[in-house]
Protein backbone atom coordinates (compact mmCIF):
# COMPACT_ATOMS: atom_id res chain seq x y z
CA MET A 1 30.38 -2.73 6.98
CA GLU A 2 29.64 -6.03 5.24
CA CYS A 3 29.16 -6.60 1.50
CA GLU A 4 25.45 -7.12 0.78
CA VAL A 5 26.28 -9.75 -1.86
CA CYS A 6 29.04 -11.96 -0.46
CA GLY A 7 28.89 -10.95 3.21
CA CYS A 8 32.61 -10.24 3.57
CA LEU A 9 33.87 -7.29 5.59
CA ILE A 10 34.41 -4.27 3.32
CA VAL A 11 37.84 -2.74 3.80
CA GLY A 12 37.87 0.93 2.80
CA LYS A 13 34.93 2.63 1.15
CA PRO A 14 32.05 0.44 -0.08
CA HIS A 15 30.81 0.76 -3.64
CA LEU A 16 27.15 1.51 -4.29
CA ALA A 17 26.34 -0.74 -7.25
CA LEU A 18 23.13 -1.43 -9.12
CA ILE A 19 22.87 -5.23 -9.34
CA GLU A 20 19.69 -6.66 -10.89
CA CYS A 21 17.78 -3.41 -10.33
CA VAL A 22 18.75 -3.21 -6.65
CA ALA A 23 21.21 -0.67 -5.24
CA MET A 24 23.57 -2.40 -2.82
CA ASN A 25 26.67 -1.58 -0.80
CA VAL A 26 29.26 -4.04 -2.07
CA CYS A 27 32.98 -4.81 -1.91
CA SER A 28 35.30 -4.12 -4.84
CA GLY A 29 35.06 -7.72 -6.04
CA CYS A 30 31.26 -7.78 -6.12
CA ALA A 31 31.04 -4.29 -7.65
CA THR A 32 31.91 -5.87 -11.01
CA LEU A 33 28.61 -7.81 -10.91
CA GLY A 34 26.66 -4.64 -11.64
CA LYS A 35 26.94 -0.98 -12.50
CA ILE A 36 28.79 1.19 -9.97
CA ILE A 37 26.62 4.17 -9.07
CA GLU A 38 28.87 5.85 -6.50
CA GLU A 39 31.23 5.14 -3.65
CA PRO A 40 29.49 6.46 -0.50
CA ALA A 41 30.88 6.32 3.01
CA ARG A 42 27.49 5.10 4.20
CA ARG A 43 24.06 4.77 2.64
CA GLU A 44 20.94 5.66 4.61
CA GLN A 45 17.94 3.33 4.50
CA PRO A 46 14.58 4.81 3.44
CA THR A 47 12.55 5.72 6.51
CA THR A 48 9.19 6.98 5.25
CA HIS A 49 6.49 5.38 3.13
CA GLU A 50 7.16 7.99 0.45
CA GLU A 51 10.83 6.96 0.27
CA MET A 52 9.87 3.27 0.23
CA ALA A 53 7.45 3.88 -2.65
CA GLY A 54 10.42 3.75 -5.06
CA LEU A 55 10.95 0.09 -4.11
CA GLU A 56 8.57 -1.89 -6.31
CA ILE A 57 7.61 -5.29 -4.93
CA VAL A 58 5.43 -7.83 -6.70
CA GLU A 59 1.85 -7.74 -5.48
CA ASP A 60 1.64 -11.39 -4.39
CA TYR A 61 4.92 -11.42 -2.41
CA PRO A 62 3.37 -13.10 0.69
CA ALA A 63 2.29 -16.17 -1.31
CA LEU A 64 5.58 -16.30 -3.25
CA ILE A 65 7.59 -16.27 -0.02
CA ARG A 66 5.45 -18.98 1.57
CA ARG A 67 5.53 -21.25 -1.51
CA ALA A 68 9.30 -20.88 -1.91
CA ARG A 69 9.86 -21.65 1.79
CA GLU A 70 7.60 -24.72 1.63
CA ARG A 71 9.25 -25.90 -1.59
CA MET A 72 12.60 -25.81 0.24
CA GLY A 73 11.06 -27.82 3.09
CA LEU A 74 11.69 -25.08 5.66
CA LYS A 75 9.62 -24.06 8.65
CA GLN A 76 9.13 -20.34 9.29
CA GLU A 77 11.63 -20.52 12.17
CA GLU A 78 14.26 -22.14 9.94
CA LEU A 79 13.87 -19.48 7.25
CA ALA A 80 14.09 -16.80 9.92
CA LYS A 81 17.44 -18.22 11.08
CA ARG A 82 18.77 -18.22 7.50
CA LEU A 83 17.72 -14.59 7.18
CA ALA A 84 19.08 -13.64 10.63
CA GLU A 85 15.60 -12.35 11.50
CA ARG A 86 12.94 -13.23 14.06
CA ALA A 87 10.32 -15.83 13.22
CA SER A 88 7.65 -13.14 13.69
CA VAL A 89 9.15 -11.25 10.73
CA VAL A 90 8.63 -14.27 8.47
CA GLN A 91 5.10 -14.72 9.84
CA ARG A 92 4.24 -11.07 9.14
CA LEU A 93 5.77 -11.25 5.64
CA GLU A 94 3.77 -14.34 4.71
CA SER A 95 0.55 -12.85 6.05
CA GLY A 96 1.12 -9.59 4.15
CA ARG A 97 1.26 -7.50 7.33
CA LEU A 98 4.92 -6.57 6.66
CA ARG A 99 6.24 -5.10 3.43
CA PRO A 100 9.98 -5.83 3.19
CA ASP A 101 12.44 -2.98 2.94
CA GLU A 102 15.29 -3.17 0.42
CA ARG A 103 17.66 -4.95 2.83
CA LEU A 104 15.13 -7.63 3.76
CA LEU A 105 14.01 -7.96 0.13
CA ASN A 106 17.59 -8.73 -0.92
CA LYS A 107 17.99 -11.33 1.84
CA LEU A 108 14.71 -13.03 0.90
CA GLU A 109 15.58 -13.16 -2.80
CA ARG A 110 19.00 -14.69 -2.09
CA ALA A 111 17.81 -17.18 0.53
CA LEU A 112 14.77 -18.40 -1.40
CA GLY A 113 16.09 -18.07 -4.95
CA ILE A 114 13.10 -15.99 -6.07
CA LYS A 115 12.54 -12.49 -7.47
CA LEU A 116 10.26 -10.24 -5.46
CA SER A 117 11.13 -6.87 -6.97
CA ALA A 118 9.00 -5.66 -9.84
CA CYS A 119 11.82 -4.15 -11.87
CA GLU A 120 11.01 -3.50 -15.53
CA SER A 121 14.58 -3.94 -16.81
CA ARG A 122 14.72 -7.66 -15.94
């Protein structure tokens, strides 16, 4: 398993840490960046709309993603490569036809340098 912050391979059990209102599986080094919640063997991704409802995303996320990509001078295909996703994923995000899950939300925020989660404690 890879650390969701630095991308390095996690040796041993990953830490589940709350970093900027987002729960992430991280290595021991990155766990100090937030509050350690628990040390699971593996965390399951939400699969239903009810489970995803806990993930609050700003309402205008499609426009924010597009503007940030354009500000960086990237084409949709180039952003997709940076995210390790298909270009169609970026197209669907920017059109509002795809609501990002927590994993994709984290990748978008890191790659574009923007905040898309509507977390009150920020």
